[in-house]
Amino acid sequence: MTNAPTPRRKLPLEAFTECRYVPGETSIVDLIHPDDGLTLHAHENAAQIHARYPSAQRLAFEDAWKLADAAGTARYRQDITEVNEAQFNDALNVLPPVGWTTRNGVESFRISERLWGNLTDIYARLGNRYFKLVDDIRLPAATIAERVAVYAAANAGSDNDACDAPRRDPETDARLHGRAATQPAPKPGNDS
Protein backbone atom coordinates (compact mmCIF):
# COMPACT_ATOMS: atom_id res chain seq x y z
CA MET A 1 0.00 0.00 0.00
CA THR A 2 1.37 3.44 -0.93
CA ASN A 3 0.86 6.71 0.83
CA ALA A 4 -0.02 8.72 -2.25
CA PRO A 5 -0.81 12.35 -1.45
CA THR A 6 -4.42 13.34 -1.67
CA PRO A 7 -4.98 15.40 -4.78
CA ARG A 8 -5.64 19.04 -4.06
CA ARG A 9 -8.85 20.70 -5.03
CA LYS A 10 -8.65 23.22 -7.83
CA LEU A 11 -9.93 26.38 -6.26
CA PRO A 12 -10.61 29.89 -7.53
CA LEU A 13 -7.97 32.46 -6.62
CA GLU A 14 -10.30 34.06 -4.08
CA ALA A 15 -10.15 30.85 -1.98
CA PHE A 16 -6.47 31.46 -1.16
CA THR A 17 -6.75 33.89 1.73
CA GLU A 18 -3.31 33.33 3.30
CA CYS A 19 0.22 33.55 1.98
CA ARG A 20 3.88 33.66 2.92
CA TYR A 21 5.38 37.15 2.71
CA VAL A 22 8.78 38.69 3.47
CA PRO A 23 8.34 42.14 5.06
CA GLY A 24 9.65 44.95 2.88
CA GLU A 25 9.36 43.03 -0.40
CA THR A 26 7.12 44.02 -3.29
CA SER A 27 5.76 40.53 -3.88
CA ILE A 28 4.57 37.56 -1.86
CA VAL A 29 6.53 34.27 -1.69
CA ASP A 30 3.52 32.05 -2.43
CA LEU A 31 -0.12 31.51 -1.59
CA ILE A 32 -1.08 28.86 0.97
CA HIS A 33 -3.48 26.13 -0.14
CA PRO A 34 -6.33 25.82 2.40
CA ASP A 35 -6.53 22.02 2.04
CA ASP A 36 -3.05 21.08 3.24
CA GLY A 37 -1.31 24.30 4.40
CA LEU A 38 1.40 23.91 1.76
CA THR A 39 2.23 26.65 -0.67
CA LEU A 40 0.20 26.65 -3.86
CA HIS A 41 2.93 26.56 -6.47
CA ALA A 42 5.97 25.00 -4.76
CA HIS A 43 4.06 22.66 -2.40
CA GLU A 44 6.36 23.72 0.47
CA ASN A 45 5.65 23.68 4.19
CA ALA A 46 6.65 26.42 6.67
CA ALA A 47 10.08 24.89 7.37
CA GLN A 48 10.94 24.71 3.68
CA ILE A 49 9.85 28.31 3.12
CA HIS A 50 11.88 29.50 6.12
CA ALA A 51 14.96 27.71 4.80
CA ARG A 52 14.81 29.91 1.70
CA TYR A 53 13.20 33.01 3.24
CA PRO A 54 14.14 33.18 6.95
CA SER A 55 12.01 36.26 7.62
CA ALA A 56 8.91 35.06 5.75
CA GLN A 57 5.67 35.36 7.68
CA ARG A 58 2.27 33.74 7.29
CA LEU A 59 -0.22 36.53 6.69
CA ALA A 60 -3.66 37.13 5.33
CA PHE A 61 -3.26 37.81 1.61
CA GLU A 62 -4.98 41.22 1.87
CA ASP A 63 -2.57 42.30 4.63
CA ALA A 64 0.46 41.05 2.70
CA TRP A 65 -0.68 42.87 -0.44
CA LYS A 66 -1.07 46.15 1.50
CA LEU A 67 2.46 45.76 2.86
CA ALA A 68 3.87 44.87 -0.58
CA ASP A 69 2.10 47.83 -2.17
CA ALA A 70 3.45 50.18 0.50
CA ALA A 71 6.96 48.78 -0.09
CA GLY A 72 6.65 49.34 -3.84
CA THR A 73 5.36 52.87 -3.37
CA ALA A 74 8.22 53.67 -1.00
CA ARG A 75 10.74 52.15 -3.41
CA TYR A 76 9.62 53.97 -6.54
CA ARG A 77 8.19 57.35 -5.42
CA GLN A 78 10.79 60.12 -5.83
CA ASP A 79 10.87 63.76 -4.93
CA ILE A 80 11.54 66.46 -7.50
CA THR A 81 14.95 66.56 -9.13
CA GLU A 82 16.21 68.91 -11.77
CA VAL A 83 16.91 67.47 -15.23
CA ASN A 84 18.03 69.07 -18.45
CA GLU A 85 16.12 69.99 -21.59
CA ALA A 86 17.29 66.91 -23.51
CA GLN A 87 16.01 64.58 -20.79
CA PHE A 88 12.68 66.43 -20.72
CA ASN A 89 12.31 66.21 -24.51
CA ASP A 90 13.35 62.55 -24.61
CA ALA A 91 10.67 61.73 -22.05
CA LEU A 92 8.10 63.76 -23.96
CA ASN A 93 8.83 61.82 -27.15
CA VAL A 94 9.31 58.26 -25.85
CA LEU A 95 5.59 57.45 -25.31
CA PRO A 96 2.40 59.42 -25.76
CA PRO A 97 2.27 61.87 -22.84
CA VAL A 98 -0.62 61.85 -20.40
CA GLY A 99 -2.12 65.11 -19.14
CA TRP A 100 0.26 67.38 -21.05
CA THR A 101 -0.78 70.83 -19.91
CA THR A 102 0.37 74.13 -18.47
CA ARG A 103 -0.86 75.39 -15.09
CA ASN A 104 0.39 78.51 -13.34
CA GLY A 105 3.28 78.81 -15.79
CA VAL A 106 4.44 75.21 -15.32
CA GLU A 107 4.24 72.87 -18.31
CA SER A 108 3.93 69.24 -17.20
CA PHE A 109 3.15 65.78 -18.50
CA ARG A 110 3.17 62.23 -17.24
CA ILE A 111 4.68 59.13 -18.86
CA SER A 112 1.87 56.76 -19.81
CA GLU A 113 3.71 53.66 -18.57
CA ARG A 114 3.52 53.04 -14.81
CA LEU A 115 6.47 52.08 -12.63
CA TRP A 116 4.41 50.66 -9.77
CA GLY A 117 0.65 50.80 -9.34
CA ASN A 118 -0.29 54.35 -10.29
CA LEU A 119 3.25 55.72 -9.95
CA THR A 120 4.85 57.12 -13.07
CA ASP A 121 7.51 59.61 -14.15
CA ILE A 122 6.21 63.19 -14.23
CA TYR A 123 8.15 65.88 -16.06
CA ALA A 124 7.73 69.64 -15.74
CA ARG A 125 9.20 72.83 -17.16
CA LEU A 126 9.24 76.20 -15.43
CA GLY A 127 10.86 78.84 -17.62
CA ASN A 128 14.11 77.34 -18.84
CA ARG A 129 14.39 74.84 -15.97
CA TYR A 130 13.27 71.21 -16.22
CA PHE A 131 12.19 68.83 -13.47
CA LYS A 132 11.24 65.21 -12.88
CA LEU A 133 9.41 63.45 -10.06
CA VAL A 134 7.82 60.05 -9.62
CA ASP A 135 4.33 60.21 -8.21
CA ASP A 136 0.72 59.22 -8.81
CA ILE A 137 -0.31 59.62 -12.46
CA ARG A 138 -3.53 61.24 -11.18
CA LEU A 139 -1.65 64.03 -9.40
CA PRO A 140 -3.40 67.25 -10.50
CA ALA A 141 -1.43 69.60 -12.76
CA ALA A 142 -2.03 72.44 -10.30
CA THR A 143 -0.38 70.39 -7.53
CA ILE A 144 2.57 69.58 -9.80
CA ALA A 145 2.91 73.28 -10.64
CA GLU A 146 2.83 74.26 -6.97
CA ARG A 147 5.43 71.66 -5.97
CA VAL A 148 7.73 72.58 -8.87
CA ALA A 149 7.48 76.30 -8.06
CA VAL A 150 8.34 75.65 -4.40
CA TYR A 151 11.27 73.41 -5.39
CA ALA A 152 12.56 75.92 -7.97
CA ALA A 153 12.39 78.79 -5.47
CA ALA A 154 14.16 76.76 -2.78
CA ASN A 155 16.85 75.68 -5.27
CA ALA A 156 17.32 78.97 -7.12
CA GLY A 157 21.06 78.37 -7.41
CA SER A 158 20.50 75.12 -9.30
CA ASP A 159 21.87 75.06 -12.77
CA ASN A 160 21.25 72.63 -15.58
CA ASP A 161 25.04 72.43 -16.01
CA ALA A 162 24.96 69.97 -13.13
CA CYS A 163 22.94 67.54 -15.27
CA ASP A 164 24.83 64.83 -17.08
CA ALA A 165 23.67 65.50 -20.66
CA PRO A 166 25.59 68.04 -22.72
CA ARG A 167 24.12 71.41 -23.65
CA ARG A 168 23.04 71.87 -27.24
CA ASP A 169 24.97 74.15 -29.50
CA PRO A 170 23.10 77.03 -31.24
CA GLU A 171 23.05 75.18 -34.59
CA THR A 172 21.35 72.09 -33.10
CA ASP A 173 18.93 74.28 -31.16
CA ALA A 174 17.98 76.16 -34.35
CA ARG A 175 17.52 72.89 -36.28
CA LEU A 176 15.30 71.39 -33.59
CA HIS A 177 13.14 74.54 -33.46
CA GLY A 178 12.80 74.74 -37.26
CA ARG A 179 14.89 77.87 -37.69
CA ALA A 180 17.88 78.47 -39.89
CA ALA A 181 21.11 78.50 -37.97
CA THR A 182 22.64 81.92 -37.64
CA GLN A 183 26.33 82.19 -38.28
CA PRO A 184 28.29 84.18 -35.73
CA ALA A 185 29.39 87.57 -37.00
CA PRO A 186 33.03 87.62 -38.13
CA LYS A 187 35.45 89.22 -35.73
CA PRO A 188 37.01 92.47 -36.81
CA GLY A 189 40.05 91.86 -39.00
CA ASN A 190 38.88 88.38 -39.97
CA ASP A 191 38.71 87.93 -43.75
CA SER A 192 36.19 85.10 -43.68
C-alpha atoms as a PDB file:
ATOM      1  CA  MET A   1       0.000   0.000   0.000  1.00  0.00           C
ATOM      2  CA  THR A   2       1.374   3.441  -0.933  1.00  0.00           C
ATOM      3  CA  ASN A   3       0.858   6.712   0.825  1.00  0.00           C
ATOM      4  CA  ALA A   4      -0.021   8.717  -2.248  1.00  0.00           C
ATOM      5  CA  PRO A   5      -0.811  12.346  -1.451  1.00  0.00           C
ATOM      6  CA  THR A   6      -4.423  13.338  -1.670  1.00  0.00           C
ATOM      7  CA  PRO A   7      -4.979  15.400  -4.778  1.00  0.00           C
ATOM      8  CA  ARG A   8      -5.645  19.038  -4.059  1.00  0.00           C
ATOM      9  CA  ARG A   9      -8.852  20.702  -5.033  1.00  0.00           C
ATOM     10  CA  LYS A  10      -8.652  23.215  -7.830  1.00  0.00           C
ATOM     11  CA  LEU A  11      -9.933  26.384  -6.262  1.00  0.00           C
ATOM     12  CA  PRO A  12     -10.612  29.888  -7.532  1.00  0.00           C
ATOM     13  CA  LEU A  13      -7.973  32.458  -6.619  1.00  0.00           C
ATOM     14  CA  GLU A  14     -10.305  34.058  -4.075  1.00  0.00           C
ATOM     15  CA  ALA A  15     -10.147  30.849  -1.976  1.00  0.00           C
ATOM     16  CA  PHE A  16      -6.471  31.461  -1.158  1.00  0.00           C
ATOM     17  CA  THR A  17      -6.747  33.886   1.732  1.00  0.00           C
ATOM     18  CA  GLU A  18      -3.313  33.333   3.297  1.00  0.00           C
ATOM     19  CA  CYS A  19       0.216  33.547   1.984  1.00  0.00           C
ATOM     20  CA  ARG A  20       3.879  33.664   2.915  1.00  0.00           C
ATOM     21  CA  TYR A  21       5.384  37.148   2.715  1.00  0.00           C
ATOM     22  CA  VAL A  22       8.780  38.686   3.468  1.00  0.00           C
ATOM     23  CA  PRO A  23       8.344  42.142   5.058  1.00  0.00           C
ATOM     24  CA  GLY A  24       9.652  44.954   2.876  1.00  0.00           C
ATOM     25  CA  GLU A  25       9.356  43.033  -0.399  1.00  0.00           C
ATOM     26  CA  THR A  26       7.115  44.021  -3.290  1.00  0.00           C
ATOM     27  CA  SER A  27       5.756  40.532  -3.883  1.00  0.00           C
ATOM     28  CA  ILE A  28       4.574  37.561  -1.862  1.00  0.00           C
ATOM     29  CA  VAL A  29       6.527  34.272  -1.686  1.00  0.00           C
ATOM     30  CA  ASP A  30       3.519  32.048  -2.433  1.00  0.00           C
ATOM     31  CA  LEU A  31      -0.125  31.506  -1.585  1.00  0.00           C
ATOM     32  CA  ILE A  32      -1.080  28.855   0.972  1.00  0.00           C
ATOM     33  CA  HIS A  33      -3.478  26.135  -0.140  1.00  0.00           C
ATOM     34  CA  PRO A  34      -6.327  25.816   2.397  1.00  0.00           C
ATOM     35  CA  ASP A  35      -6.526  22.018   2.045  1.00  0.00           C
ATOM     36  CA  ASP A  36      -3.051  21.085   3.242  1.00  0.00           C
ATOM     37  CA  GLY A  37      -1.314  24.299   4.396  1.00  0.00           C
ATOM     38  CA  LEU A  38       1.402  23.909   1.759  1.00  0.00           C
ATOM     39  CA  THR A  39       2.227  26.648  -0.675  1.00  0.00           C
ATOM     40  CA  LEU A  40       0.196  26.646  -3.858  1.00  0.00           C
ATOM     41  CA  HIS A  41       2.935  26.563  -6.474  1.00  0.00           C
ATOM     42  CA  ALA A  42       5.968  25.004  -4.760  1.00  0.00           C
ATOM     43  CA  HIS A  43       4.060  22.665  -2.400  1.00  0.00           C
ATOM     44  CA  GLU A  44       6.356  23.719   0.473  1.00  0.00           C
ATOM     45  CA  ASN A  45       5.654  23.682   4.193  1.00  0.00           C
ATOM     46  CA  ALA A  46       6.646  26.417   6.672  1.00  0.00           C
ATOM     47  CA  ALA A  47      10.083  24.888   7.374  1.00  0.00           C
ATOM     48  CA  GLN A  48      10.939  24.710   3.677  1.00  0.00           C
ATOM     49  CA  ILE A  49       9.848  28.309   3.121  1.00  0.00           C
ATOM     50  CA  HIS A  50      11.876  29.504   6.123  1.00  0.00           C
ATOM     51  CA  ALA A  51      14.955  27.708   4.795  1.00  0.00           C
ATOM     52  CA  ARG A  52      14.805  29.907   1.697  1.00  0.00           C
ATOM     53  CA  TYR A  53      13.202  33.008   3.243  1.00  0.00           C
ATOM     54  CA  PRO A  54      14.142  33.180   6.946  1.00  0.00           C
ATOM     55  CA  SER A  55      12.011  36.264   7.619  1.00  0.00           C
ATOM     56  CA  ALA A  56       8.905  35.059   5.752  1.00  0.00           C
ATOM     57  CA  GLN A  57       5.669  35.356   7.680  1.00  0.00           C
ATOM     58  CA  ARG A  58       2.274  33.740   7.292  1.00  0.00           C
ATOM     59  CA  LEU A  59      -0.215  36.528   6.688  1.00  0.00           C
ATOM     60  CA  ALA A  60      -3.665  37.133   5.329  1.00  0.00           C
ATOM     61  CA  PHE A  61      -3.260  37.810   1.610  1.00  0.00           C
ATOM     62  CA  GLU A  62      -4.982  41.220   1.875  1.00  0.00           C
ATOM     63  CA  ASP A  63      -2.569  42.302   4.630  1.00  0.00           C
ATOM     64  CA  ALA A  64       0.458  41.050   2.702  1.00  0.00           C
ATOM     65  CA  TRP A  65      -0.680  42.870  -0.436  1.00  0.00           C
ATOM     66  CA  LYS A  66      -1.074  46.149   1.500  1.00  0.00           C
ATOM     67  CA  LEU A  67       2.462  45.764   2.856  1.00  0.00           C
ATOM     68  CA  ALA A  68       3.872  44.865  -0.583  1.00  0.00           C
ATOM     69  CA  ASP A  69       2.102  47.825  -2.165  1.00  0.00           C
ATOM     70  CA  ALA A  70       3.454  50.182   0.500  1.00  0.00           C
ATOM     71  CA  ALA A  71       6.963  48.777  -0.085  1.00  0.00           C
ATOM     72  CA  GLY A  72       6.645  49.344  -3.844  1.00  0.00           C
ATOM     73  CA  THR A  73       5.357  52.873  -3.373  1.00  0.00           C
ATOM     74  CA  ALA A  74       8.219  53.672  -0.996  1.00  0.00           C
ATOM     75  CA  ARG A  75      10.738  52.148  -3.408  1.00  0.00           C
ATOM     76  CA  TYR A  76       9.615  53.973  -6.543  1.00  0.00           C
ATOM     77  CA  ARG A  77       8.191  57.351  -5.420  1.00  0.00           C
ATOM     78  CA  GLN A  78      10.793  60.125  -5.835  1.00  0.00           C
ATOM     79  CA  ASP A  79      10.867  63.764  -4.926  1.00  0.00           C
ATOM     80  CA  ILE A  80      11.536  66.459  -7.500  1.00  0.00           C
ATOM     81  CA  THR A  81      14.950  66.565  -9.128  1.00  0.00           C
ATOM     82  CA  GLU A  82      16.215  68.912 -11.772  1.00  0.00           C
ATOM     83  CA  VAL A  83      16.911  67.474 -15.226  1.00  0.00           C
ATOM     84  CA  ASN A  84      18.028  69.073 -18.454  1.00  0.00           C
ATOM     85  CA  GLU A  85      16.118  69.990 -21.590  1.00  0.00           C
ATOM     86  CA  ALA A  86      17.287  66.910 -23.512  1.00  0.00           C
ATOM     87  CA  GLN A  87      16.009  64.575 -20.785  1.00  0.00           C
ATOM     88  CA  PHE A  88      12.679  66.430 -20.719  1.00  0.00           C
ATOM     89  CA  ASN A  89      12.313  66.210 -24.513  1.00  0.00           C
ATOM     90  CA  ASP A  90      13.352  62.547 -24.614  1.00  0.00           C
ATOM     91  CA  ALA A  91      10.666  61.726 -22.045  1.00  0.00           C
ATOM     92  CA  LEU A  92       8.105  63.761 -23.964  1.00  0.00           C
ATOM     93  CA  ASN A  93       8.826  61.818 -27.146  1.00  0.00           C
ATOM     94  CA  VAL A  94       9.308  58.256 -25.849  1.00  0.00           C
ATOM     95  CA  LEU A  95       5.592  57.446 -25.308  1.00  0.00           C
ATOM     96  CA  PRO A  96       2.401  59.423 -25.765  1.00  0.00           C
ATOM     97  CA  PRO A  97       2.273  61.871 -22.840  1.00  0.00           C
ATOM     98  CA  VAL A  98      -0.625  61.848 -20.401  1.00  0.00           C
ATOM     99  CA  GLY A  99      -2.119  65.107 -19.143  1.00  0.00           C
ATOM    100  CA  TRP A 100       0.259  67.382 -21.048  1.00  0.00           C
ATOM    101  CA  THR A 101      -0.782  70.826 -19.911  1.00  0.00           C
ATOM    102  CA  THR A 102       0.368  74.132 -18.473  1.00  0.00           C
ATOM    103  CA  ARG A 103      -0.863  75.387 -15.092  1.00  0.00           C
ATOM    104  CA  ASN A 104       0.391  78.511 -13.345  1.00  0.00           C
ATOM    105  CA  GLY A 105       3.280  78.814 -15.790  1.00  0.00           C
ATOM    106  CA  VAL A 106       4.445  75.209 -15.322  1.00  0.00           C
ATOM    107  CA  GLU A 107       4.244  72.868 -18.309  1.00  0.00           C
ATOM    108  CA  SER A 108       3.925  69.245 -17.204  1.00  0.00           C
ATOM    109  CA  PHE A 109       3.146  65.781 -18.498  1.00  0.00           C
ATOM    110  CA  ARG A 110       3.172  62.233 -17.237  1.00  0.00           C
ATOM    111  CA  ILE A 111       4.681  59.133 -18.856  1.00  0.00           C
ATOM    112  CA  SER A 112       1.865  56.760 -19.814  1.00  0.00           C
ATOM    113  CA  GLU A 113       3.708  53.660 -18.571  1.00  0.00           C
ATOM    114  CA  ARG A 114       3.520  53.043 -14.808  1.00  0.00           C
ATOM    115  CA  LEU A 115       6.472  52.080 -12.633  1.00  0.00           C
ATOM    116  CA  TRP A 116       4.406  50.664  -9.769  1.00  0.00           C
ATOM    117  CA  GLY A 117       0.651  50.797  -9.337  1.00  0.00           C
ATOM    118  CA  ASN A 118      -0.290  54.348 -10.286  1.00  0.00           C
ATOM    119  CA  LEU A 119       3.250  55.722  -9.946  1.00  0.00           C
ATOM    120  CA  THR A 120       4.851  57.124 -13.066  1.00  0.00           C
ATOM    121  CA  ASP A 121       7.510  59.613 -14.146  1.00  0.00           C
ATOM    122  CA  ILE A 122       6.207  63.188 -14.233  1.00  0.00           C
ATOM    123  CA  TYR A 123       8.153  65.884 -16.062  1.00  0.00           C
ATOM    124  CA  ALA A 124       7.733  69.635 -15.740  1.00  0.00           C
ATOM    125  CA  ARG A 125       9.201  72.832 -17.155  1.00  0.00           C
ATOM    126  CA  LEU A 126       9.240  76.201 -15.435  1.00  0.00           C
ATOM    127  CA  GLY A 127      10.863  78.842 -17.620  1.00  0.00           C
ATOM    128  CA  ASN A 128      14.112  77.335 -18.843  1.00  0.00           C
ATOM    129  CA  ARG A 129      14.393  74.840 -15.971  1.00  0.00           C
ATOM    130  CA  TYR A 130      13.273  71.212 -16.216  1.00  0.00           C
ATOM    131  CA  PHE A 131      12.187  68.830 -13.472  1.00  0.00           C
ATOM    132  CA  LYS A 132      11.243  65.212 -12.875  1.00  0.00           C
ATOM    133  CA  LEU A 133       9.415  63.453 -10.062  1.00  0.00           C
ATOM    134  CA  VAL A 134       7.824  60.047  -9.623  1.00  0.00           C
ATOM    135  CA  ASP A 135       4.330  60.209  -8.208  1.00  0.00           C
ATOM    136  CA  ASP A 136       0.722  59.221  -8.811  1.00  0.00           C
ATOM    137  CA  ILE A 137      -0.309  59.616 -12.457  1.00  0.00           C
ATOM    138  CA  ARG A 138      -3.531  61.237 -11.181  1.00  0.00           C
ATOM    139  CA  LEU A 139      -1.646  64.032  -9.397  1.00  0.00           C
ATOM    140  CA  PRO A 140      -3.396  67.247 -10.495  1.00  0.00           C
ATOM    141  CA  ALA A 141      -1.425  69.597 -12.759  1.00  0.00           C
ATOM    142  CA  ALA A 142      -2.033  72.435 -10.298  1.00  0.00           C
ATOM    143  CA  THR A 143      -0.377  70.392  -7.527  1.00  0.00           C
ATOM    144  CA  ILE A 144       2.574  69.583  -9.796  1.00  0.00           C
ATOM    145  CA  ALA A 145       2.911  73.280 -10.637  1.00  0.00           C
ATOM    146  CA  GLU A 146       2.833  74.256  -6.975  1.00  0.00           C
ATOM    147  CA  ARG A 147       5.429  71.664  -5.972  1.00  0.00           C
ATOM    148  CA  VAL A 148       7.730  72.585  -8.875  1.00  0.00           C
ATOM    149  CA  ALA A 149       7.484  76.298  -8.058  1.00  0.00           C
ATOM    150  CA  VAL A 150       8.337  75.645  -4.399  1.00  0.00           C
ATOM    151  CA  TYR A 151      11.267  73.412  -5.386  1.00  0.00           C
ATOM    152  CA  ALA A 152      12.556  75.918  -7.969  1.00  0.00           C
ATOM    153  CA  ALA A 153      12.386  78.795  -5.468  1.00  0.00           C
ATOM    154  CA  ALA A 154      14.160  76.757  -2.782  1.00  0.00           C
ATOM    155  CA  ASN A 155      16.845  75.684  -5.271  1.00  0.00           C
ATOM    156  CA  ALA A 156      17.319  78.969  -7.122  1.00  0.00           C
ATOM    157  CA  GLY A 157      21.057  78.366  -7.406  1.00  0.00           C
ATOM    158  CA  SER A 158      20.497  75.117  -9.298  1.00  0.00           C
ATOM    159  CA  ASP A 159      21.866  75.057 -12.768  1.00  0.00           C
ATOM    160  CA  ASN A 160      21.253  72.635 -15.578  1.00  0.00           C
ATOM    161  CA  ASP A 161      25.038  72.430 -16.015  1.00  0.00           C
ATOM    162  CA  ALA A 162      24.956  69.969 -13.130  1.00  0.00           C
ATOM    163  CA  CYS A 163      22.944  67.541 -15.267  1.00  0.00           C
ATOM    164  CA  ASP A 164      24.827  64.828 -17.083  1.00  0.00           C
ATOM    165  CA  ALA A 165      23.666  65.504 -20.655  1.00  0.00           C
ATOM    166  CA  PRO A 166      25.587  68.043 -22.717  1.00  0.00           C
ATOM    167  CA  ARG A 167      24.120  71.415 -23.647  1.00  0.00           C
ATOM    168  CA  ARG A 168      23.044  71.870 -27.238  1.00  0.00           C
ATOM    169  CA  ASP A 169      24.975  74.152 -29.502  1.00  0.00           C
ATOM    170  CA  PRO A 170      23.099  77.027 -31.241  1.00  0.00           C
ATOM    171  CA  GLU A 171      23.046  75.183 -34.589  1.00  0.00           C
ATOM    172  CA  THR A 172      21.353  72.085 -33.102  1.00  0.00           C
ATOM    173  CA  ASP A 173      18.929  74.284 -31.161  1.00  0.00           C
ATOM    174  CA  ALA A 174      17.982  76.158 -34.346  1.00  0.00           C
ATOM    175  CA  ARG A 175      17.520  72.894 -36.281  1.00  0.00           C
ATOM    176  CA  LEU A 176      15.295  71.394 -33.587  1.00  0.00           C
ATOM    177  CA  HIS A 177      13.143  74.542 -33.459  1.00  0.00           C
ATOM    178  CA  GLY A 178      12.801  74.740 -37.259  1.00  0.00           C
ATOM    179  CA  ARG A 179      14.886  77.867 -37.687  1.00  0.00           C
ATOM    180  CA  ALA A 180      17.884  78.475 -39.889  1.00  0.00           C
ATOM    181  CA  ALA A 181      21.113  78.504 -37.968  1.00  0.00           C
ATOM    182  CA  THR A 182      22.640  81.923 -37.645  1.00  0.00           C
ATOM    183  CA  GLN A 183      26.329  82.192 -38.277  1.00  0.00           C
ATOM    184  CA  PRO A 184      28.291  84.182 -35.727  1.00  0.00           C
ATOM    185  CA  ALA A 185      29.386  87.570 -36.997  1.00  0.00           C
ATOM    186  CA  PRO A 186      33.030  87.620 -38.131  1.00  0.00           C
ATOM    187  CA  LYS A 187      35.451  89.222 -35.731  1.00  0.00           C
ATOM    188  CA  PRO A 188      37.014  92.470 -36.812  1.00  0.00           C
ATOM    189  CA  GLY A 189      40.052  91.862 -38.996  1.00  0.00           C
ATOM    190  CA  ASN A 190      38.875  88.376 -39.968  1.00  0.00           C
ATOM    191  CA  ASP A 191      38.712  87.935 -43.751  1.00  0.00           C
ATOM    192  CA  SER A 192      36.193  85.104 -43.678  1.00  0.00           C
END
